Amino acid sequence: MYAQVGMTEKDRIFFRIMMRKDQMIRLKQLYAVEVDGKSIPGEINPEGDCFWRKVKMVGDTEYGAPYQIGNFSAWLRLFRKPKGGVRKGAGRKPGGGKGRVQKSRTICLSDAEWDLFDRLRGQTRRGDFLRKLMAMSQLKEL
């Protein structure tokens, strides 16, 4: 889990939650990395602050006790680092030609007809049995 403080992208500071005991969290400052104009949490800053804060629930969001930034203090907002999401080049390629080559179809038969069909096919799978029947009928047509 992570925490952040700051209202704009320029003044945002990120922290990693290193330990959690009851309603207390231990935080370590992270480097902020800019990606597409947005600040995201980076690696741990070895010279960054390491401190404890009390956690408070406000609605359905968790906050850490205030953190001093310059001349003002702000609440730490806790969050999980996002995973997954859209990536360039991810997903199925259109028209790759390596997809499923079989199509499912439905055959409507009565129970008695299905019983007869299953007796005729024996241990052979239904699809394999139908393929053999079709192959035999094509040979007869020649």
Protein backbone atom coordinates (compact mmCIF):
# COMPACT_ATOMS: atom_id res chain seq x y z
CA MET A 1 0.00 0.00 0.00
CA TYR A 2 1.00 3.58 -0.60
CA ALA A 3 0.15 7.01 0.71
CA GLN A 4 0.29 10.39 -0.97
CA VAL A 5 0.01 14.00 0.04
CA GLY A 6 -0.26 17.12 -2.11
CA MET A 7 -2.98 18.69 -4.22
CA THR A 8 -1.26 19.15 -7.59
CA GLU A 9 1.13 17.01 -9.62
CA LYS A 10 4.03 19.36 -8.78
CA ASP A 11 3.72 19.23 -4.98
CA ARG A 12 2.74 15.53 -4.66
CA ILE A 13 4.84 13.37 -2.30
CA PHE A 14 4.49 9.58 -2.14
CA PHE A 15 5.16 7.21 0.76
CA ARG A 16 5.36 3.42 1.03
CA ILE A 17 3.58 1.82 3.98
CA MET A 18 6.37 -0.31 5.44
CA MET A 19 4.53 -1.68 8.48
CA ARG A 20 1.06 -1.62 9.97
CA LYS A 21 0.15 -2.21 13.63
CA ASP A 22 -3.47 -1.73 14.67
CA GLN A 23 -4.28 1.88 13.78
CA MET A 24 -0.67 2.93 13.18
CA ILE A 25 1.34 2.84 9.96
CA ARG A 26 5.07 3.28 9.38
CA LEU A 27 5.85 5.24 6.20
CA LYS A 28 8.99 5.72 4.10
CA GLN A 29 9.24 8.47 1.48
CA LEU A 30 9.43 7.45 -2.22
CA TYR A 31 10.74 9.20 -5.29
CA ALA A 32 7.98 10.62 -7.50
CA VAL A 33 8.28 9.58 -11.15
CA GLU A 34 6.56 11.58 -13.89
CA VAL A 35 4.80 9.52 -16.57
CA ASP A 36 2.66 11.21 -19.22
CA GLY A 37 2.46 14.37 -17.10
CA LYS A 38 1.30 12.49 -13.97
CA SER A 39 3.32 11.80 -10.84
CA ILE A 40 3.39 8.15 -9.78
CA PRO A 41 5.23 6.40 -6.90
CA GLY A 42 8.78 5.31 -7.74
CA GLU A 43 11.59 3.66 -5.78
CA ILE A 44 12.23 4.22 -2.06
CA ASN A 45 14.18 7.40 -1.33
CA PRO A 46 17.08 6.35 0.98
CA GLU A 47 17.35 9.90 2.38
CA GLY A 48 13.56 10.24 2.74
CA ASP A 49 11.64 10.52 6.00
CA CYS A 50 10.63 7.38 7.91
CA PHE A 51 7.88 8.01 10.45
CA TRP A 52 4.73 6.65 12.15
CA ARG A 53 1.21 8.02 11.69
CA LYS A 54 -2.23 7.13 13.04
CA VAL A 55 -4.86 5.92 10.53
CA LYS A 56 -8.40 7.29 10.39
CA MET A 57 -11.39 6.15 8.28
CA VAL A 58 -13.39 8.93 6.62
CA GLY A 59 -16.34 7.41 4.78
CA ASP A 60 -14.87 4.49 2.84
CA THR A 61 -11.39 6.05 2.46
CA GLU A 62 -8.44 5.61 4.82
CA TYR A 63 -6.33 8.61 5.77
CA GLY A 64 -3.11 8.96 7.73
CA ALA A 65 -2.60 11.73 10.29
CA PRO A 66 -1.43 15.06 8.81
CA TYR A 67 2.04 15.48 7.29
CA GLN A 68 3.84 18.84 7.23
CA ILE A 69 4.75 20.14 3.74
CA GLY A 70 6.49 23.48 3.80
CA ASN A 71 4.14 25.96 5.50
CA PHE A 72 1.04 23.77 5.56
CA SER A 73 0.02 20.29 6.72
CA ALA A 74 -2.17 17.86 4.80
CA TRP A 75 -3.77 14.48 5.43
CA LEU A 76 -2.07 11.43 3.90
CA ARG A 77 -4.41 9.57 1.52
CA LEU A 78 -3.79 5.79 1.52
CA PHE A 79 -4.17 3.76 -1.70
CA ARG A 80 -3.07 0.56 -3.42
CA LYS A 81 -0.69 0.81 -6.34
CA PRO A 82 -2.71 0.24 -9.52
CA LYS A 83 -2.03 -3.01 -11.36
CA GLY A 84 -2.78 -3.98 -14.92
CA GLY A 85 -4.66 -1.60 -17.10
CA VAL A 86 -4.22 -0.68 -20.74
CA ARG A 87 -0.85 -1.41 -22.31
CA LYS A 88 0.21 -0.60 -25.85
CA GLY A 89 0.24 -3.74 -28.00
CA ALA A 90 -1.64 -5.86 -25.46
CA GLY A 91 -4.58 -8.07 -26.29
CA ARG A 92 -5.57 -10.13 -29.30
CA LYS A 93 -4.43 -8.95 -32.69
CA PRO A 94 -7.26 -8.52 -35.22
CA GLY A 95 -7.23 -11.16 -37.94
CA GLY A 96 -4.38 -13.17 -36.47
CA GLY A 97 -5.78 -16.35 -38.02
CA LYS A 98 -4.78 -18.52 -35.08
CA GLY A 99 -8.10 -18.51 -33.30
CA ARG A 100 -10.64 -21.29 -32.90
CA VAL A 101 -11.48 -22.92 -36.24
CA GLN A 102 -14.50 -24.91 -35.08
CA LYS A 103 -18.00 -23.52 -34.66
CA SER A 104 -20.55 -24.81 -32.20
CA ARG A 105 -23.90 -25.85 -33.63
CA THR A 106 -27.02 -27.32 -32.05
CA ILE A 107 -28.78 -30.49 -33.16
CA CYS A 108 -32.36 -30.90 -31.96
CA LEU A 109 -33.31 -34.55 -31.44
CA SER A 110 -35.80 -36.26 -29.20
CA ASP A 111 -34.60 -38.31 -26.23
CA ALA A 112 -35.21 -41.55 -28.11
CA GLU A 113 -33.20 -40.26 -31.09
CA TRP A 114 -30.30 -39.22 -28.83
CA ASP A 115 -30.33 -42.68 -27.21
CA LEU A 116 -30.13 -44.30 -30.65
CA PHE A 117 -27.35 -41.91 -31.71
CA ASP A 118 -25.34 -42.68 -28.54
CA ARG A 119 -25.77 -46.46 -29.07
CA LEU A 120 -24.57 -46.15 -32.68
CA ARG A 121 -21.49 -44.09 -31.81
CA GLY A 122 -20.39 -46.42 -28.97
CA GLN A 123 -17.23 -45.05 -27.26
CA THR A 124 -16.54 -42.53 -30.05
CA ARG A 125 -17.06 -38.86 -29.23
CA ARG A 126 -20.13 -37.27 -30.82
CA GLY A 127 -18.16 -34.88 -33.02
CA ASP A 128 -15.82 -37.62 -34.25
CA PHE A 129 -18.76 -39.90 -35.01
CA LEU A 130 -20.50 -37.16 -37.04
CA ARG A 131 -17.29 -36.53 -39.01
CA LYS A 132 -17.05 -40.23 -39.87
CA LEU A 133 -20.71 -40.26 -40.99
CA MET A 134 -20.14 -37.22 -43.20
CA ALA A 135 -16.98 -38.72 -44.70
CA MET A 136 -18.87 -41.97 -45.50
CA SER A 137 -21.73 -40.05 -47.13
CA GLN A 138 -19.27 -38.08 -49.27
CA LEU A 139 -17.63 -41.33 -50.46
CA LYS A 140 -21.06 -42.69 -51.49
CA GLU A 141 -21.77 -39.53 -53.52
CA LEU A 142 -18.57 -40.03 -55.58
